[in-house]
Amino acid sequence: NFSPELERDRIECRSNRVIPALLCPWRNDAPDIERHAFVLTRDISSDG
């Protein structure tokens, strides 16, 4: 989770977790499933 330019402003704690997730663009108040992707988390914080 180290990135020098981000660490200056980051105050929340991050937990390293590798979890599969579904990512979709959000357009016009709905998921754009045509452009979905399966991704992996590398870390999770309290709000991201």
ModelCIF file with pLDDT and N, C-alpha, C, O atoms, coordinates in Angstrom:
data_MODEL
#
_entry.id   MODEL 
#
_entity.id                         1 
_entity.type                       polymer 
_entity.pdbx_number_of_molecules   1 
#
_entity_poly.entity_id                      1 
_entity_poly.type                           'polypeptide(L)' 
_entity_poly.nstd_linkage                   no 
_entity_poly.nstd_monomer                   no 
_entity_poly.pdbx_seq_one_letter_code       NFSPELERDRIECRSNRVIPALLCPWRNDAPDIERHAFVLTRDISSDG 
_entity_poly.pdbx_seq_one_letter_code_can   NFSPELERDRIECRSNRVIPALLCPWRNDAPDIERHAFVLTRDISSDG 
_entity_poly.pdbx_strand_id                 A 
#
loop_
_entity_poly_seq.entity_id 
_entity_poly_seq.num 
_entity_poly_seq.mon_id 
_entity_poly_seq.hetero 
1 1  ASN n 
1 2  PHE n 
1 3  SER n 
1 4  PRO n 
1 5  GLU n 
1 6  LEU n 
1 7  GLU n 
1 8  ARG n 
1 9  ASP n 
1 10 ARG n 
1 11 ILE n 
1 12 GLU n 
1 13 CYS n 
1 14 ARG n 
1 15 SER n 
1 16 ASN n 
1 17 ARG n 
1 18 VAL n 
1 19 ILE n 
1 20 PRO n 
1 21 ALA n 
1 22 LEU n 
1 23 LEU n 
1 24 CYS n 
1 25 PRO n 
1 26 TRP n 
1 27 ARG n 
1 28 ASN n 
1 29 ASP n 
1 30 ALA n 
1 31 PRO n 
1 32 ASP n 
1 33 ILE n 
1 34 GLU n 
1 35 ARG n 
1 36 HIS n 
1 37 ALA n 
1 38 PHE n 
1 39 VAL n 
1 40 LEU n 
1 41 THR n 
1 42 ARG n 
1 43 ASP n 
1 44 ILE n 
1 45 SER n 
1 46 SER n 
1 47 ASP n 
1 48 GLY n 
#
_struct_asym.id          A 
_struct_asym.entity_id   1 
#
loop_
_ma_qa_metric.id 
_ma_qa_metric.mode 
_ma_qa_metric.name 
_ma_qa_metric.software_group_id 
_ma_qa_metric.type 
1 global pLDDT . pLDDT 
2 local  pLDDT . pLDDT 
#
_ma_qa_metric_global.metric_id      1 
_ma_qa_metric_global.metric_value   83.90 
_ma_qa_metric_global.model_id       1 
_ma_qa_metric_global.ordinal_id     1 
#
loop_
_ma_qa_metric_local.label_asym_id 
_ma_qa_metric_local.label_comp_id 
_ma_qa_metric_local.label_seq_id 
_ma_qa_metric_local.metric_id 
_ma_qa_metric_local.metric_value 
_ma_qa_metric_local.model_id 
_ma_qa_metric_local.ordinal_id 
A ASN 1  2 58.00 1 1  
A PHE 2  2 55.00 1 2  
A SER 3  2 56.00 1 3  
A PRO 4  2 55.00 1 4  
A GLU 5  2 54.00 1 5  
A LEU 6  2 52.00 1 6  
A GLU 7  2 52.00 1 7  
A ARG 8  2 52.00 1 8  
A ASP 9  2 56.00 1 9  
A ARG 10 2 53.00 1 10 
A ILE 11 2 54.00 1 11 
A GLU 12 2 63.00 1 12 
A CYS 13 2 79.00 1 13 
A ARG 14 2 79.00 1 14 
A SER 15 2 86.00 1 15 
A ASN 16 2 88.00 1 16 
A ARG 17 2 87.00 1 17 
A VAL 18 2 90.00 1 18 
A ILE 19 2 92.00 1 19 
A PRO 20 2 95.00 1 20 
A ALA 21 2 96.00 1 21 
A LEU 22 2 97.00 1 22 
A LEU 23 2 98.00 1 23 
A CYS 24 2 98.00 1 24 
A PRO 25 2 98.00 1 25 
A TRP 26 2 97.00 1 26 
A ARG 27 2 96.00 1 27 
A ASN 28 2 94.00 1 28 
A ASP 29 2 93.00 1 29 
A ALA 30 2 93.00 1 30 
A PRO 31 2 96.00 1 31 
A ASP 32 2 96.00 1 32 
A ILE 33 2 95.00 1 33 
A GLU 34 2 96.00 1 34 
A ARG 35 2 97.00 1 35 
A HIS 36 2 97.00 1 36 
A ALA 37 2 97.00 1 37 
A PHE 38 2 97.00 1 38 
A VAL 39 2 98.00 1 39 
A LEU 40 2 96.00 1 40 
A THR 41 2 95.00 1 41 
A ARG 42 2 94.00 1 42 
A ASP 43 2 93.00 1 43 
A ILE 44 2 94.00 1 44 
A SER 45 2 92.00 1 45 
A SER 46 2 90.00 1 46 
A ASP 47 2 93.00 1 47 
A GLY 48 2 95.00 1 48 
#
loop_
_atom_site.group_PDB 
_atom_site.id 
_atom_site.type_symbol 
_atom_site.label_atom_id 
_atom_site.label_alt_id 
_atom_site.label_comp_id 
_atom_site.label_asym_id 
_atom_site.label_entity_id 
_atom_site.label_seq_id 
_atom_site.pdbx_PDB_ins_code 
_atom_site.Cartn_x 
_atom_site.Cartn_y 
_atom_site.Cartn_z 
_atom_site.occupancy 
_atom_site.B_iso_or_equiv 
_atom_site.pdbx_formal_charge 
_atom_site.auth_seq_id 
_atom_site.auth_comp_id 
_atom_site.auth_asym_id 
_atom_site.auth_atom_id 
_atom_site.pdbx_PDB_model_num 
ATOM 1   N N  . ASN A 1 1  ? 0.792   -1.228  0.000   1.00 58.00 ? 1  ASN A N  1 
ATOM 2   C CA . ASN A 1 1  ? 0.000   0.000   0.000   1.00 58.00 ? 1  ASN A CA 1 
ATOM 3   C C  . ASN A 1 1  ? 0.820   1.271   0.000   1.00 58.00 ? 1  ASN A C  1 
ATOM 4   O O  . ASN A 1 1  ? 0.288   2.332   0.327   1.00 58.00 ? 1  ASN A O  1 
ATOM 5   N N  . PHE A 1 2  ? 2.084   1.211   -0.350  1.00 55.00 ? 2  PHE A N  1 
ATOM 6   C CA . PHE A 1 2  ? 2.917   2.396   -0.267  1.00 55.00 ? 2  PHE A CA 1 
ATOM 7   C C  . PHE A 1 2  ? 3.009   3.113   -1.600  1.00 55.00 ? 2  PHE A C  1 
ATOM 8   O O  . PHE A 1 2  ? 3.370   2.527   -2.620  1.00 55.00 ? 2  PHE A O  1 
ATOM 9   N N  . SER A 1 3  ? 2.685   4.355   -1.569  1.00 56.00 ? 3  SER A N  1 
ATOM 10  C CA . SER A 1 3  ? 2.863   5.237   -2.702  1.00 56.00 ? 3  SER A CA 1 
ATOM 11  C C  . SER A 1 3  ? 3.242   6.591   -2.100  1.00 56.00 ? 3  SER A C  1 
ATOM 12  O O  . SER A 1 3  ? 2.396   7.227   -1.472  1.00 56.00 ? 3  SER A O  1 
ATOM 13  N N  . PRO A 1 4  ? 4.480   7.051   -2.270  1.00 55.00 ? 4  PRO A N  1 
ATOM 14  C CA . PRO A 1 4  ? 4.918   8.265   -1.581  1.00 55.00 ? 4  PRO A CA 1 
ATOM 15  C C  . PRO A 1 4  ? 3.991   9.460   -1.770  1.00 55.00 ? 4  PRO A C  1 
ATOM 16  O O  . PRO A 1 4  ? 3.754   10.213  -0.825  1.00 55.00 ? 4  PRO A O  1 
ATOM 17  N N  . GLU A 1 5  ? 3.464   9.642   -2.983  1.00 54.00 ? 5  GLU A N  1 
ATOM 18  C CA . GLU A 1 5  ? 2.601   10.802  -3.202  1.00 54.00 ? 5  GLU A CA 1 
ATOM 19  C C  . GLU A 1 5  ? 1.261   10.666  -2.509  1.00 54.00 ? 5  GLU A C  1 
ATOM 20  O O  . GLU A 1 5  ? 0.632   11.676  -2.194  1.00 54.00 ? 5  GLU A O  1 
ATOM 21  N N  . LEU A 1 6  ? 0.799   9.435   -2.259  1.00 52.00 ? 6  LEU A N  1 
ATOM 22  C CA . LEU A 1 6  ? -0.476  9.241   -1.568  1.00 52.00 ? 6  LEU A CA 1 
ATOM 23  C C  . LEU A 1 6  ? -0.318  9.204   -0.053  1.00 52.00 ? 6  LEU A C  1 
ATOM 24  O O  . LEU A 1 6  ? -1.214  9.636   0.671   1.00 52.00 ? 6  LEU A O  1 
ATOM 25  N N  . GLU A 1 7  ? 0.793   8.701   0.427   1.00 52.00 ? 7  GLU A N  1 
ATOM 26  C CA . GLU A 1 7  ? 0.971   8.508   1.861   1.00 52.00 ? 7  GLU A CA 1 
ATOM 27  C C  . GLU A 1 7  ? 0.931   9.816   2.639   1.00 52.00 ? 7  GLU A C  1 
ATOM 28  O O  . GLU A 1 7  ? 0.550   9.817   3.809   1.00 52.00 ? 7  GLU A O  1 
ATOM 29  N N  . ARG A 1 8  ? 1.311   10.922  2.024   1.00 52.00 ? 8  ARG A N  1 
ATOM 30  C CA . ARG A 1 8  ? 1.297   12.209  2.731   1.00 52.00 ? 8  ARG A CA 1 
ATOM 31  C C  . ARG A 1 8  ? -0.102  12.556  3.213   1.00 52.00 ? 8  ARG A C  1 
ATOM 32  O O  . ARG A 1 8  ? -0.270  13.075  4.317   1.00 52.00 ? 8  ARG A O  1 
ATOM 33  N N  . ASP A 1 9  ? -1.106  12.272  2.391   1.00 56.00 ? 9  ASP A N  1 
ATOM 34  C CA . ASP A 1 9  ? -2.471  12.675  2.709   1.00 56.00 ? 9  ASP A CA 1 
ATOM 35  C C  . ASP A 1 9  ? -3.325  11.556  3.297   1.00 56.00 ? 9  ASP A C  1 
ATOM 36  O O  . ASP A 1 9  ? -4.454  11.805  3.721   1.00 56.00 ? 9  ASP A O  1 
ATOM 37  N N  . ARG A 1 10 ? -2.821  10.361  3.330   1.00 53.00 ? 10 ARG A N  1 
ATOM 38  C CA . ARG A 1 10 ? -3.619  9.218   3.761   1.00 53.00 ? 10 ARG A CA 1 
ATOM 39  C C  . ARG A 1 10 ? -3.577  9.089   5.276   1.00 53.00 ? 10 ARG A C  1 
ATOM 40  O O  . ARG A 1 10 ? -2.506  8.992   5.876   1.00 53.00 ? 10 ARG A O  1 
ATOM 41  N N  . ILE A 1 11 ? -4.775  9.090   5.895   1.00 54.00 ? 11 ILE A N  1 
ATOM 42  C CA . ILE A 1 11 ? -4.825  8.937   7.337   1.00 54.00 ? 11 ILE A CA 1 
ATOM 43  C C  . ILE A 1 11 ? -5.511  7.648   7.762   1.00 54.00 ? 11 ILE A C  1 
ATOM 44  O O  . ILE A 1 11 ? -5.338  7.202   8.896   1.00 54.00 ? 11 ILE A O  1 
ATOM 45  N N  . GLU A 1 12 ? -6.285  7.046   6.872   1.00 63.00 ? 12 GLU A N  1 
ATOM 46  C CA . GLU A 1 12 ? -6.999  5.834   7.251   1.00 63.00 ? 12 GLU A CA 1 
ATOM 47  C C  . GLU A 1 12 ? -6.074  4.618   7.166   1.00 63.00 ? 12 GLU A C  1 
ATOM 48  O O  . GLU A 1 12 ? -5.081  4.607   6.438   1.00 63.00 ? 12 GLU A O  1 
ATOM 49  N N  . CYS A 1 13 ? -6.433  3.622   7.922   1.00 79.00 ? 13 CYS A N  1 
ATOM 50  C CA . CYS A 1 13 ? -5.692  2.362   7.926   1.00 79.00 ? 13 CYS A CA 1 
ATOM 51  C C  . CYS A 1 13 ? -6.192  1.494   6.772   1.00 79.00 ? 13 CYS A C  1 
ATOM 52  O O  . CYS A 1 13 ? -7.390  1.450   6.493   1.00 79.00 ? 13 CYS A O  1 
ATOM 53  N N  . ARG A 1 14 ? -5.286  0.819   6.121   1.00 79.00 ? 14 ARG A N  1 
ATOM 54  C CA . ARG A 1 14 ? -5.655  -0.066  5.021   1.00 79.00 ? 14 ARG A CA 1 
ATOM 55  C C  . ARG A 1 14 ? -5.354  -1.505  5.428   1.00 79.00 ? 14 ARG A C  1 
ATOM 56  O O  . ARG A 1 14 ? -4.319  -1.794  6.028   1.00 79.00 ? 14 ARG A O  1 
ATOM 57  N N  . SER A 1 15 ? -6.274  -2.393  5.092   1.00 86.00 ? 15 SER A N  1 
ATOM 58  C CA . SER A 1 15 ? -6.094  -3.818  5.363   1.00 86.00 ? 15 SER A CA 1 
ATOM 59  C C  . SER A 1 15 ? -5.839  -4.530  4.048   1.00 86.00 ? 15 SER A C  1 
ATOM 60  O O  . SER A 1 15 ? -6.625  -4.408  3.108   1.00 86.00 ? 15 SER A O  1 
ATOM 61  N N  . ASN A 1 16 ? -4.745  -5.274  3.979   1.00 88.00 ? 16 ASN A N  1 
ATOM 62  C CA . ASN A 1 16 ? -4.438  -6.028  2.769   1.00 88.00 ? 16 ASN A CA 1 
ATOM 63  C C  . ASN A 1 16 ? -5.406  -7.195  2.658   1.00 88.00 ? 16 ASN A C  1 
ATOM 64  O O  . ASN A 1 16 ? -5.430  -8.077  3.516   1.00 88.00 ? 16 ASN A O  1 
ATOM 65  N N  . ARG A 1 17 ? -6.203  -7.193  1.598   1.00 87.00 ? 17 ARG A N  1 
ATOM 66  C CA . ARG A 1 17 ? -7.151  -8.271  1.340   1.00 87.00 ? 17 ARG A CA 1 
ATOM 67  C C  . ARG A 1 17 ? -7.255  -8.470  -0.162  1.00 87.00 ? 17 ARG A C  1 
ATOM 68  O O  . ARG A 1 17 ? -7.436  -7.509  -0.910  1.00 87.00 ? 17 ARG A O  1 
ATOM 69  N N  . VAL A 1 18 ? -7.141  -9.704  -0.600  1.00 90.00 ? 18 VAL A N  1 
ATOM 70  C CA . VAL A 1 18 ? -7.319  -10.037 -2.006  1.00 90.00 ? 18 VAL A CA 1 
ATOM 71  C C  . VAL A 1 18 ? -8.667  -10.733 -2.129  1.00 90.00 ? 18 VAL A C  1 
ATOM 72  O O  . VAL A 1 18 ? -8.833  -11.881 -1.717  1.00 90.00 ? 18 VAL A O  1 
ATOM 73  N N  . ILE A 1 19 ? -9.641  -10.001 -2.713  1.00 92.00 ? 19 ILE A N  1 
ATOM 74  C CA . ILE A 1 19 ? -11.011 -10.484 -2.825  1.00 92.00 ? 19 ILE A CA 1 
ATOM 75  C C  . ILE A 1 19 ? -11.486 -10.213 -4.248  1.00 92.00 ? 19 ILE A C  1 
ATOM 76  O O  . ILE A 1 19 ? -11.298 -9.105  -4.749  1.00 92.00 ? 19 ILE A O  1 
ATOM 77  N N  . PRO A 1 20 ? -12.095 -11.188 -4.911  1.00 95.00 ? 20 PRO A N  1 
ATOM 78  C CA . PRO A 1 20 ? -12.660 -10.890 -6.226  1.00 95.00 ? 20 PRO A CA 1 
ATOM 79  C C  . PRO A 1 20 ? -13.872 -9.969  -6.086  1.00 95.00 ? 20 PRO A C  1 
ATOM 80  O O  . PRO A 1 20 ? -14.642 -10.072 -5.131  1.00 95.00 ? 20 PRO A O  1 
ATOM 81  N N  . ALA A 1 21 ? -14.024 -9.074  -7.052  1.00 96.00 ? 21 ALA A N  1 
ATOM 82  C CA . ALA A 1 21 ? -15.130 -8.129  -7.025  1.00 96.00 ? 21 ALA A CA 1 
ATOM 83  C C  . ALA A 1 21 ? -15.591 -7.854  -8.449  1.00 96.00 ? 21 ALA A C  1 
ATOM 84  O O  . ALA A 1 21 ? -14.865 -8.094  -9.414  1.00 96.00 ? 21 ALA A O  1 
ATOM 85  N N  . LEU A 1 22 ? -16.803 -7.352  -8.556  1.00 97.00 ? 22 LEU A N  1 
ATOM 86  C CA . LEU A 1 22 ? -17.369 -6.948  -9.841  1.00 97.00 ? 22 LEU A CA 1 
ATOM 87  C C  . LEU A 1 22 ? -17.323 -5.430  -9.903  1.00 97.00 ? 22 LEU A C  1 
ATOM 88  O O  . LEU A 1 22 ? -17.787 -4.752  -8.987  1.00 97.00 ? 22 LEU A O  1 
ATOM 89  N N  . LEU A 1 23 ? -16.762 -4.897  -10.984 1.00 98.00 ? 23 LEU A N  1 
ATOM 90  C CA . LEU A 1 23 ? -16.655 -3.453  -11.198 1.00 98.00 ? 23 LEU A CA 1 
ATOM 91  C C  . LEU A 1 23 ? -17.444 -3.086  -12.446 1.00 98.00 ? 23 LEU A C  1 
ATOM 92  O O  . LEU A 1 23 ? -17.241 -3.671  -13.510 1.00 98.00 ? 23 LEU A O  1 
ATOM 93  N N  . CYS A 1 24 ? -18.344 -2.115  -12.313 1.00 98.00 ? 24 CYS A N  1 
ATOM 94  C CA . CYS A 1 24 ? -19.126 -1.621  -13.455 1.00 98.00 ? 24 CYS A CA 1 
ATOM 95  C C  . CYS A 1 24 ? -19.095 -0.099  -13.449 1.00 98.00 ? 24 CYS A C  1 
ATOM 96  O O  . CYS A 1 24 ? -19.172 0.514   -12.384 1.00 98.00 ? 24 CYS A O  1 
ATOM 97  N N  . PRO A 1 25 ? -18.984 0.515   -14.612 1.00 98.00 ? 25 PRO A N  1 
ATOM 98  C CA . PRO A 1 25 ? -19.216 1.964   -14.657 1.00 98.00 ? 25 PRO A CA 1 
ATOM 99  C C  . PRO A 1 25 ? -20.647 2.242   -14.207 1.00 98.00 ? 25 PRO A C  1 
ATOM 100 O O  . PRO A 1 25 ? -21.541 1.433   -14.452 1.00 98.00 ? 25 PRO A O  1 
ATOM 101 N N  . TRP A 1 26 ? -20.865 3.366   -13.557 1.00 97.00 ? 26 TRP A N  1 
ATOM 102 C CA . TRP A 1 26 ? -22.193 3.769   -13.103 1.00 97.00 ? 26 TRP A CA 1 
ATOM 103 C C  . TRP A 1 26 ? -22.620 4.957   -13.952 1.00 97.00 ? 26 TRP A C  1 
ATOM 104 O O  . TRP A 1 26 ? -22.039 6.038   -13.860 1.00 97.00 ? 26 TRP A O  1 
ATOM 105 N N  . ARG A 1 27 ? -23.638 4.748   -14.779 1.00 96.00 ? 27 ARG A N  1 
ATOM 106 C CA . ARG A 1 27 ? -24.087 5.790   -15.705 1.00 96.00 ? 27 ARG A CA 1 
ATOM 107 C C  . ARG A 1 27 ? -25.608 5.879   -15.682 1.00 96.00 ? 27 ARG A C  1 
ATOM 108 O O  . ARG A 1 27 ? -26.296 4.858   -15.671 1.00 96.00 ? 27 ARG A O  1 
ATOM 109 N N  . ASN A 1 28 ? -26.120 7.087   -15.676 1.00 94.00 ? 28 ASN A N  1 
ATOM 110 C CA . ASN A 1 28 ? -27.571 7.316   -15.706 1.00 94.00 ? 28 ASN A CA 1 
ATOM 111 C C  . ASN A 1 28 ? -28.301 6.528   -14.630 1.00 94.00 ? 28 ASN A C  1 
ATOM 112 O O  . ASN A 1 28 ? -29.355 5.942   -14.878 1.00 94.00 ? 28 ASN A O  1 
ATOM 113 N N  . ASP A 1 29 ? -27.726 6.524   -13.431 1.00 93.00 ? 29 ASP A N  1 
ATOM 114 C CA . ASP A 1 29 ? -28.334 5.878   -12.270 1.00 93.00 ? 29 ASP A CA 1 
ATOM 115 C C  . ASP A 1 29 ? -28.498 4.367   -12.436 1.00 93.00 ? 29 ASP A C  1 
ATOM 116 O O  . ASP A 1 29 ? -29.445 3.779   -11.913 1.00 93.00 ? 29 ASP A O  1 
ATOM 117 N N  . ALA A 1 30 ? -27.565 3.739   -13.171 1.00 93.00 ? 30 ALA A N  1 
ATOM 118 C CA . ALA A 1 30 ? -27.621 2.284   -13.372 1.00 93.00 ? 30 ALA A CA 1 
ATOM 119 C C  . ALA A 1 30 ? -26.226 1.762   -13.731 1.00 93.00 ? 30 ALA A C  1 
ATOM 120 O O  . ALA A 1 30 ? -25.400 2.507   -14.257 1.00 93.00 ? 30 ALA A O  1 
ATOM 121 N N  . PRO A 1 31 ? -25.966 0.473   -13.444 1.00 96.00 ? 31 PRO A N  1 
ATOM 122 C CA . PRO A 1 31 ? -24.673 -0.098  -13.831 1.00 96.00 ? 31 PRO A CA 1 
ATOM 123 C C  . PRO A 1 31 ? -24.611 -0.339  -15.342 1.00 96.00 ? 31 PRO A C  1 
ATOM 124 O O  . PRO A 1 31 ? -25.584 -0.786  -15.949 1.00 96.00 ? 31 PRO A O  1 
ATOM 125 N N  . ASP A 1 32 ? -23.466 -0.039  -15.932 1.00 96.00 ? 32 ASP A N  1 
ATOM 126 C CA . ASP A 1 32 ? -23.237 -0.316  -17.348 1.00 96.00 ? 32 ASP A CA 1 
ATOM 127 C C  . ASP A 1 32 ? -22.612 -1.712  -17.440 1.00 96.00 ? 32 ASP A C  1 
ATOM 128 O O  . ASP A 1 32 ? -21.389 -1.854  -17.435 1.00 96.00 ? 32 ASP A O  1 
ATOM 129 N N  . ILE A 1 33 ? -23.463 -2.738  -17.523 1.00 95.00 ? 33 ILE A N  1 
ATOM 130 C CA . ILE A 1 33 ? -22.962 -4.110  -17.462 1.00 95.00 ? 33 ILE A CA 1 
ATOM 131 C C  . ILE A 1 33 ? -22.193 -4.517  -18.708 1.00 95.00 ? 33 ILE A C  1 
ATOM 132 O O  . ILE A 1 33 ? -21.417 -5.472  -18.669 1.00 95.00 ? 33 ILE A O  1 
ATOM 133 N N  . GLU A 1 34 ? -22.393 -3.814  -19.804 1.00 96.00 ? 34 GLU A N  1 
ATOM 134 C CA . GLU A 1 34 ? -21.654 -4.139  -21.027 1.00 96.00 ? 34 GLU A CA 1 
ATOM 135 C C  . GLU A 1 34 ? -20.157 -3.879  -20.843 1.00 96.00 ? 34 GLU A C  1 
ATOM 136 O O  . GLU A 1 34 ? -19.333 -4.463  -21.547 1.00 96.00 ? 34 GLU A O  1 
ATOM 137 N N  . ARG A 1 35 ? -19.811 -3.011  -19.905 1.00 97.00 ? 35 ARG A N  1 
ATOM 138 C CA . ARG A 1 35 ? -18.405 -2.660  -19.699 1.00 97.00 ? 35 ARG A CA 1 
ATOM 139 C C  . ARG A 1 35 ? -17.921 -3.108  -18.318 1.00 97.00 ? 35 ARG A C  1 
ATOM 140 O O  . ARG A 1 35 ? -17.047 -2.474  -17.725 1.00 97.00 ? 35 ARG A O  1 
ATOM 141 N N  . HIS A 1 36 ? -18.485 -4.187  -17.819 1.00 97.00 ? 36 HIS A N  1 
ATOM 142 C CA . HIS A 1 36 ? -18.084 -4.697  -16.505 1.00 97.00 ? 36 HIS A CA 1 
ATOM 143 C C  . HIS A 1 36 ? -16.685 -5.316  -16.566 1.00 97.00 ? 36 HIS A C  1 
ATOM 144 O O  . HIS A 1 36 ? -16.165 -5.622  -17.639 1.00 97.00 ? 36 HIS A O  1 
ATOM 145 N N  . ALA A 1 37 ? -16.099 -5.489  -15.387 1.00 97.00 ? 37 ALA A N  1 
ATOM 146 C CA . ALA A 1 37 ? -14.813 -6.180  -15.262 1.00 97.00 ? 37 ALA A CA 1 
ATOM 147 C C  . ALA A 1 37 ? -14.792 -6.902  -13.923 1.00 97.00 ? 37 ALA A C  1 
ATOM 148 O O  . ALA A 1 37 ? -15.351 -6.427  -12.934 1.00 97.00 ? 37 ALA A O  1 
ATOM 149 N N  . PHE A 1 38 ? -14.149 -8.040  -13.909 1.00 97.00 ? 38 PHE A N  1 
ATOM 150 C CA . PHE A 1 38 ? -13.876 -8.716  -12.647 1.00 97.00 ? 38 PHE A CA 1 
ATOM 151 C C  . PHE A 1 38 ? -12.488 -8.267  -12.218 1.00 97.00 ? 38 PHE A C  1 
ATOM 152 O O  . PHE A 1 38 ? -11.542 -8.303  -13.005 1.00 97.00 ? 38 PHE A O  1 
ATOM 153 N N  . VAL A 1 39 ? -12.375 -7.848  -10.980 1.00 98.00 ? 39 VAL A N  1 
ATOM 154 C CA . VAL A 1 39 ? -11.143 -7.281  -10.463 1.00 98.00 ? 39 VAL A CA 1 
ATOM 155 C C  . VAL A 1 39 ? -10.795 -7.965  -9.143  1.00 98.00 ? 39 VAL A C  1 
ATOM 156 O O  . VAL A 1 39 ? -11.589 -8.729  -8.594  1.00 98.00 ? 39 VAL A O  1 
ATOM 157 N N  . LEU A 1 40 ? -9.610  -7.678  -8.654  1.00 96.00 ? 40 LEU A N  1 
ATOM 158 C CA . LEU A 1 40 ? -9.193  -8.127  -7.328  1.00 96.00 ? 40 LEU A CA 1 
ATOM 159 C C  . LEU A 1 40 ? -8.894  -6.917  -6.464  1.00 96.00 ? 40 LEU A C  1 
ATOM 160 O O  . LEU A 1 40 ? -8.299  -5.944  -6.927  1.00 96.00 ? 40 LEU A O  1 
ATOM 161 N N  . THR A 1 41 ? -9.303  -6.981  -5.216  1.00 95.00 ? 41 THR A N  1 
ATOM 162 C CA . THR A 1 41 ? -8.891  -5.933  -4.293  1.00 95.00 ? 41 THR A CA 1 
ATOM 163 C C  . THR A 1 41 ? -7.445  -6.198  -3.913  1.00 95.00 ? 41 THR A C  1 
ATOM 164 O O  . THR A 1 41 ? -6.994  -7.343  -3.907  1.00 95.00 ? 41 THR A O  1 
ATOM 165 N N  . ARG A 1 42 ? -6.733  -5.150  -3.601  1.00 94.00 ? 42 ARG A N  1 
ATOM 166 C CA . ARG A 1 42 ? -5.404  -5.320  -3.022  1.00 94.00 ? 42 ARG A CA 1 
ATOM 167 C C  . ARG A 1 42 ? -5.411  -4.855  -1.580  1.00 94.00 ? 42 ARG A C  1 
ATOM 168 O O  . ARG A 1 42 ? -4.637  -5.332  -0.751  1.00 94.00 ? 42 ARG A O  1 
ATOM 169 N N  . ASP A 1 43 ? -6.308  -3.906  -1.294  1.00 93.00 ? 43 ASP A N  1 
ATOM 170 C CA . ASP A 1 43 ? -6.498  -3.458  0.079   1.00 93.00 ? 43 ASP A CA 1 
ATOM 171 C C  . ASP A 1 43 ? -7.876  -2.811  0.204   1.00 93.00 ? 43 ASP A C  1 
ATOM 172 O O  . ASP A 1 43 ? -8.503  -2.419  -0.780  1.00 93.00 ? 43 ASP A O  1 
ATOM 173 N N  . ILE A 1 44 ? -8.316  -2.720  1.454   1.00 94.00 ? 44 ILE A N  1 
ATOM 174 C CA . ILE A 1 44 ? -9.612  -2.124  1.759   1.00 94.00 ? 44 ILE A CA 1 
ATOM 175 C C  . ILE A 1 44 ? -9.420  -1.195  2.952   1.00 94.00 ? 44 ILE A C  1 
ATOM 176 O O  . ILE A 1 44 ? -8.739  -1.544  3.916   1.00 94.00 ? 44 ILE A O  1 
ATOM 177 N N  . SER A 1 45 ? -10.022 -0.015  2.882   1.00 92.00 ? 45 SER A N  1 
ATOM 178 C CA . SER A 1 45 ? -9.972  0.924   3.996   1.00 92.00 ? 45 SER A CA 1 
ATOM 179 C C  . SER A 1 45 ? -11.385 1.149   4.517   1.00 92.00 ? 45 SER A C  1 
ATOM 180 O O  . SER A 1 45 ? -12.314 0.453   4.106   1.00 92.00 ? 45 SER A O  1 
ATOM 181 N N  . SER A 1 46 ? -11.553 2.098   5.404   1.00 90.00 ? 46 SER A N  1 
ATOM 182 C CA . SER A 1 46 ? -12.871 2.349   5.976   1.00 90.00 ? 46 SER A CA 1 
ATOM 183 C C  . SER A 1 46 ? -13.849 2.949   4.970   1.00 90.00 ? 46 SER A C  1 
ATOM 184 O O  . SER A 1 46 ? -15.061 2.875   5.173   1.00 90.00 ? 46 SER A O  1 
ATOM 185 N N  . ASP A 1 47 ? -13.343 3.543   3.891   1.00 93.00 ? 47 ASP A N  1 
ATOM 186 C CA . ASP A 1 47 ? -14.258 4.149   2.918   1.00 93.00 ? 47 ASP A CA 1 
ATOM 187 C C  . ASP A 1 47 ? -13.791 3.967   1.476   1.00 93.00 ? 47 ASP A C  1 
ATOM 188 O O  . ASP A 1 47 ? -14.147 4.758   0.602   1.00 93.00 ? 47 ASP A O  1 
ATOM 189 N N  . GLY A 1 48 ? -13.004 2.940   1.231   1.00 95.00 ? 48 GLY A N  1 
ATOM 190 C CA . GLY A 1 48 ? -12.550 2.729   -0.137  1.00 95.00 ? 48 GLY A CA 1 
ATOM 191 C C  . GLY A 1 48 ? -11.814 1.424   -0.311  1.00 95.00 ? 48 GLY A C  1 
ATOM 192 O O  . GLY A 1 48 ? -11.370 1.108   -1.415  1.00 95.00 ? 48 GLY A O  1 
#
